[in-house]
Amino acid sequence: MFDFIYHHDIDPYIFEFGDGVGLRWYGAAYLVGFLVAYLILRLLNRSNRLNLTQEQVLDLVISGAVGGIIGARVGFVLFYNFSAFFARPWMLFTVWEGGMSFHGGLLGALVCLIWYIRRSGLDFWEVTDAGALALTPALFFGRLANFINGELWGRPTDGSWGVVFPHSPAVDGELVPRHPSQLYQATSEGLLLFVILLFVWKYCPKPGRTSLAFLFGYGSLRFLVEFFRAPDPHLGYVFGLLTRGQIYSLLMVIAGLALIKFLPPPVSSTA
């Protein structure tokens, strides 16, 4: 049955030295994402809207990466596995078991960036506008890695594009094709959002617009795509309809709208 459907069998390791030891695609995606973010910031730094030294560009990427990784792990434990964390607090450090949260990673990166911005006397909106644009390609690589790992699969589908993931829950005793929601997210949160933010950066250069466009755009796209993604089995649906990811994404949309009143006023020119 389902012979015409793709059965996921991608090796999660690029190369393996021994049993469970090697370079995984997931780790490589993080490295590539950070490198691309650094290169984008270098390019943006050539414009008159970003005035950083090369050392500051590197420091920003490192600060965001460290905060993002720590926040992603803490966010996963607190947002999606708090009951397990309450029973086993040390699971916060068992990173080899997997589990990262984008929303937690975003908060962690933001905390570290705010610390660095204040320490270095940089402009908040200037940095976050550029950072938002530089982050989206990293999301693309991260979601591709999710697909390669065969994790965060979608809901069952009858479409010929469905994928049978070997570790997904069985339905009526057998594995069924599911939406490749990881690829949907890679396309929407990564590629499409990057194009949108690039347009905002270029044609709406007022401070903070790209940052809030990221919050609103990511939250909206993630909310929509989550209708194709299966919720975590131990959590299920909120209110019988929404996933935890959709709730957190709605908060991003609300934040993107609410923060508009805190944007600095446009600089007026006088003759």
Protein backbone atom coordinates (compact mmCIF):
# COMPACT_ATOMS: atom_id res chain seq x y z
CA MET A 1 0.00 0.00 0.00
CA PHE A 2 1.11 3.57 -0.74
CA ASP A 3 3.84 2.31 -3.12
CA PHE A 4 3.56 5.59 -5.04
CA ILE A 5 4.29 7.60 -1.91
CA TYR A 6 7.82 8.59 -0.89
CA HIS A 7 9.02 6.61 2.12
CA HIS A 8 11.46 8.70 4.10
CA ASP A 9 14.83 6.94 4.47
CA ILE A 10 17.41 9.75 4.52
CA ASP A 11 20.45 9.13 6.70
CA PRO A 12 20.59 11.93 9.33
CA TYR A 13 24.41 11.74 9.28
CA ILE A 14 26.58 13.36 6.64
CA PHE A 15 29.30 11.01 7.83
CA GLU A 16 29.58 8.80 10.90
CA PHE A 17 32.72 7.79 12.76
CA GLY A 18 31.02 5.16 14.89
CA ASP A 19 27.71 4.25 16.45
CA GLY A 20 25.95 7.56 17.02
CA VAL A 21 29.09 9.67 16.57
CA GLY A 22 29.50 11.89 13.53
CA LEU A 23 28.37 15.04 11.77
CA ARG A 24 24.61 15.27 11.39
CA TRP A 25 22.75 17.31 8.81
CA TYR A 26 20.99 19.09 11.69
CA GLY A 27 24.25 20.37 13.13
CA ALA A 28 25.51 21.33 9.68
CA ALA A 29 22.30 23.32 9.11
CA TYR A 30 23.03 25.41 12.20
CA LEU A 31 26.59 26.08 11.03
CA VAL A 32 25.48 27.04 7.51
CA GLY A 33 22.71 29.21 8.91
CA PHE A 34 25.12 31.16 11.12
CA LEU A 35 27.58 31.55 8.24
CA VAL A 36 24.88 32.84 5.87
CA ALA A 37 23.63 35.24 8.56
CA TYR A 38 27.17 36.57 8.96
CA LEU A 39 27.57 37.06 5.20
CA ILE A 40 24.22 38.83 4.92
CA LEU A 41 25.11 41.18 7.77
CA ARG A 42 28.40 41.91 6.04
CA LEU A 43 26.51 42.84 2.87
CA LEU A 44 23.96 44.96 4.74
CA ASN A 45 26.78 46.69 6.57
CA ARG A 46 27.85 48.22 3.27
CA SER A 47 24.63 50.25 3.17
CA ASN A 48 24.19 53.57 4.93
CA ARG A 49 21.66 52.00 7.30
CA LEU A 50 24.10 49.80 9.16
CA ASN A 51 27.40 51.08 10.44
CA LEU A 52 29.27 48.33 12.26
CA THR A 53 32.86 47.19 12.38
CA GLN A 54 33.69 43.69 11.15
CA GLU A 55 34.32 42.71 14.75
CA GLN A 56 30.86 43.93 15.78
CA VAL A 57 29.24 41.97 12.96
CA LEU A 58 30.94 38.80 14.15
CA ASP A 59 30.09 39.55 17.79
CA LEU A 60 26.42 40.02 16.89
CA VAL A 61 26.27 36.68 15.09
CA ILE A 62 28.00 34.89 17.96
CA SER A 63 25.76 36.58 20.56
CA GLY A 64 22.63 35.73 18.61
CA ALA A 65 23.80 32.16 18.01
CA VAL A 66 24.64 31.48 21.65
CA GLY A 67 21.43 33.05 22.90
CA GLY A 68 19.41 31.31 20.20
CA ILE A 69 20.75 27.84 20.95
CA ILE A 70 20.33 28.20 24.73
CA GLY A 71 16.91 29.78 24.34
CA ALA A 72 15.77 27.11 21.88
CA ARG A 73 16.59 24.35 24.35
CA VAL A 74 15.12 26.15 27.37
CA GLY A 75 12.05 27.09 25.34
CA PHE A 76 11.47 23.51 24.22
CA VAL A 77 11.67 22.25 27.80
CA LEU A 78 9.47 24.98 29.28
CA PHE A 79 6.99 25.53 26.43
CA TYR A 80 6.50 21.95 25.28
CA ASN A 81 7.77 19.61 28.01
CA PHE A 82 7.31 21.40 31.32
CA SER A 83 5.73 18.41 33.08
CA ALA A 84 8.69 16.22 32.14
CA PHE A 85 11.08 18.99 33.19
CA PHE A 86 9.31 19.27 36.54
CA ALA A 87 9.89 15.56 37.08
CA ARG A 88 13.44 15.53 35.65
CA PRO A 89 15.02 19.02 35.81
CA TRP A 90 18.30 17.67 34.46
CA MET A 91 16.62 17.01 31.10
CA LEU A 92 17.42 20.63 30.32
CA PHE A 93 20.98 19.49 29.66
CA THR A 94 20.23 16.23 27.83
CA VAL A 95 20.50 17.90 24.44
CA TRP A 96 21.34 14.60 22.74
CA GLU A 97 17.72 13.59 23.27
CA GLY A 98 16.68 16.35 20.87
CA GLY A 99 14.18 19.15 21.23
CA MET A 100 14.57 22.80 20.20
CA SER A 101 11.95 25.56 20.09
CA PHE A 102 12.10 28.40 17.59
CA HIS A 103 10.09 30.74 19.81
CA GLY A 104 12.42 30.05 22.73
CA GLY A 105 15.42 30.52 20.46
CA LEU A 106 14.10 33.88 19.28
CA LEU A 107 13.66 35.08 22.87
CA GLY A 108 17.12 33.84 23.84
CA ALA A 109 18.76 35.51 20.85
CA LEU A 110 16.90 38.74 21.56
CA VAL A 111 18.06 38.80 25.19
CA CYS A 112 21.70 38.35 24.17
CA LEU A 113 21.42 40.93 21.40
CA ILE A 114 19.89 43.50 23.75
CA TRP A 115 22.75 42.90 26.17
CA TYR A 116 25.33 43.38 23.40
CA ILE A 117 23.55 46.40 21.91
CA ARG A 118 23.46 48.20 25.26
CA ARG A 119 27.06 47.24 26.02
CA SER A 120 28.28 48.52 22.64
CA GLY A 121 26.06 51.59 22.38
CA LEU A 122 24.44 50.44 19.12
CA ASP A 123 21.00 51.38 17.84
CA PHE A 124 18.40 48.74 18.73
CA TRP A 125 16.19 48.96 15.65
CA GLU A 126 19.18 49.25 13.32
CA VAL A 127 20.55 45.96 14.58
CA THR A 128 17.25 44.06 14.81
CA ASP A 129 16.17 45.14 11.32
CA ALA A 130 19.36 43.72 9.84
CA GLY A 131 19.24 40.71 12.15
CA ALA A 132 15.69 39.81 11.12
CA LEU A 133 16.68 39.81 7.46
CA ALA A 134 19.80 37.75 8.16
CA LEU A 135 17.90 35.18 10.26
CA THR A 136 15.36 33.98 7.69
CA PRO A 137 17.76 31.96 5.48
CA ALA A 138 18.88 30.14 8.64
CA LEU A 139 15.25 29.13 9.19
CA PHE A 140 15.21 27.65 5.69
CA PHE A 141 18.23 25.43 6.41
CA GLY A 142 16.85 24.46 9.80
CA ARG A 143 13.56 23.23 8.37
CA LEU A 144 15.35 21.28 5.66
CA ALA A 145 17.32 19.59 8.45
CA ASN A 146 14.02 18.76 10.20
CA PHE A 147 12.88 17.01 7.04
CA ILE A 148 16.15 15.10 6.67
CA ASN A 149 15.84 13.99 10.31
CA GLY A 150 12.31 12.79 9.65
CA GLU A 151 10.93 14.84 12.56
CA LEU A 152 8.17 17.41 13.05
CA TRP A 153 6.10 15.67 10.38
CA GLY A 154 2.72 16.82 9.15
CA ARG A 155 -0.81 15.56 9.49
CA PRO A 156 -2.03 12.61 7.39
CA THR A 157 -2.81 13.38 3.75
CA ASP A 158 -4.26 11.58 0.73
CA GLY A 159 -2.17 13.69 -1.64
CA SER A 160 0.45 12.06 -3.85
CA TRP A 161 3.06 14.42 -2.35
CA GLY A 162 2.66 12.77 1.05
CA VAL A 163 5.66 11.25 2.82
CA VAL A 164 5.70 8.19 5.05
CA PHE A 165 7.90 9.00 8.02
CA PRO A 166 9.16 5.84 9.76
CA HIS A 167 8.94 7.30 13.28
CA SER A 168 5.52 8.92 12.93
CA PRO A 169 2.52 7.56 14.86
CA ALA A 170 0.62 4.75 13.17
CA VAL A 171 -3.01 5.21 12.14
CA ASP A 172 -5.14 2.08 12.50
CA GLY A 173 -1.99 0.05 12.97
CA GLU A 174 0.00 1.27 9.95
CA LEU A 175 2.12 4.19 8.86
CA VAL A 176 0.33 6.62 6.56
CA PRO A 177 1.50 9.41 4.23
CA ARG A 178 1.79 12.78 5.91
CA HIS A 179 2.24 16.36 4.79
CA PRO A 180 5.96 17.23 4.49
CA SER A 181 5.23 20.25 6.66
CA GLN A 182 8.95 20.80 7.24
CA LEU A 183 9.28 21.69 3.54
CA TYR A 184 6.20 23.91 3.74
CA GLN A 185 7.85 25.78 6.60
CA ALA A 186 11.20 25.98 4.83
CA THR A 187 9.48 27.58 1.83
CA SER A 188 7.25 29.97 3.78
CA GLU A 189 9.25 30.91 6.89
CA GLY A 190 12.56 30.79 5.07
CA LEU A 191 12.33 31.75 1.40
CA LEU A 192 9.03 33.65 1.21
CA LEU A 193 9.61 35.59 4.41
CA PHE A 194 13.12 36.51 3.25
CA VAL A 195 11.72 38.00 0.04
CA ILE A 196 9.09 39.93 2.01
CA LEU A 197 11.65 41.32 4.46
CA LEU A 198 14.03 42.20 1.65
CA PHE A 199 11.22 44.22 0.06
CA VAL A 200 10.44 45.96 3.37
CA TRP A 201 14.13 46.66 4.02
CA LYS A 202 14.56 48.24 0.60
CA TYR A 203 11.30 50.15 0.15
CA CYS A 204 10.32 50.91 3.75
CA PRO A 205 13.63 51.90 5.36
CA LYS A 206 12.16 53.56 8.46
CA PRO A 207 13.68 52.08 11.65
CA GLY A 208 11.93 49.05 13.08
CA ARG A 209 9.73 48.26 10.09
CA THR A 210 11.72 45.19 9.05
CA SER A 211 11.81 43.90 12.63
CA LEU A 212 8.05 44.15 13.09
CA ALA A 213 7.45 42.76 9.60
CA PHE A 214 9.44 39.72 10.73
CA LEU A 215 7.34 39.26 13.87
CA PHE A 216 4.06 39.67 12.00
CA GLY A 217 5.18 37.73 8.91
CA TYR A 218 6.71 34.75 10.70
CA GLY A 219 3.83 34.54 13.16
CA SER A 220 1.23 34.62 10.38
CA LEU A 221 3.00 32.13 8.11
CA ARG A 222 3.79 29.72 10.94
CA PHE A 223 0.17 29.93 12.15
CA LEU A 224 -1.15 28.96 8.71
CA VAL A 225 1.36 26.17 8.01
CA GLU A 226 0.74 24.63 11.43
CA PHE A 227 -2.68 23.52 10.13
CA PHE A 228 -0.72 20.97 8.09
CA ARG A 229 1.66 20.00 10.89
CA ALA A 230 0.90 17.34 13.48
CA PRO A 231 0.93 18.56 17.09
CA ASP A 232 3.24 16.98 19.64
CA PRO A 233 1.61 13.67 20.65
CA HIS A 234 1.88 14.41 24.39
CA LEU A 235 0.27 17.85 23.96
CA GLY A 236 -2.42 17.50 21.31
CA TYR A 237 -4.54 20.51 20.42
CA VAL A 238 -5.37 23.63 22.40
CA PHE A 239 -9.13 24.28 22.48
CA GLY A 240 -9.44 21.21 20.26
CA LEU A 241 -8.18 23.13 17.22
CA LEU A 242 -4.86 24.96 17.62
CA THR A 243 -1.35 23.71 18.35
CA ARG A 244 1.05 25.18 20.89
CA GLY A 245 3.11 26.52 18.00
CA GLN A 246 0.07 28.41 16.70
CA ILE A 247 -0.58 29.98 20.09
CA TYR A 248 3.01 31.22 20.35
CA SER A 249 2.88 32.42 16.73
CA LEU A 250 -0.28 34.41 17.45
CA LEU A 251 1.60 36.12 20.27
CA MET A 252 4.27 37.09 17.74
CA VAL A 253 1.61 38.61 15.47
CA ILE A 254 0.14 40.56 18.39
CA ALA A 255 3.61 41.75 19.42
CA GLY A 256 4.37 42.85 15.86
CA LEU A 257 1.22 44.98 15.84
CA ALA A 258 1.49 46.27 19.42
CA LEU A 259 5.09 47.44 19.04
CA ILE A 260 4.24 49.78 16.17
CA LYS A 261 3.58 52.61 18.64
CA PHE A 262 7.10 52.21 20.04
CA LEU A 263 8.83 52.76 16.71
CA PRO A 264 10.93 55.91 16.48
CA PRO A 265 9.30 58.67 14.43
CA PRO A 266 10.67 59.20 10.94
CA VAL A 267 13.37 61.82 10.67
CA SER A 268 11.95 64.94 9.05
CA SER A 269 14.08 66.96 6.71
CA THR A 270 14.05 70.74 6.69
CA ALA A 271 14.91 72.98 3.79
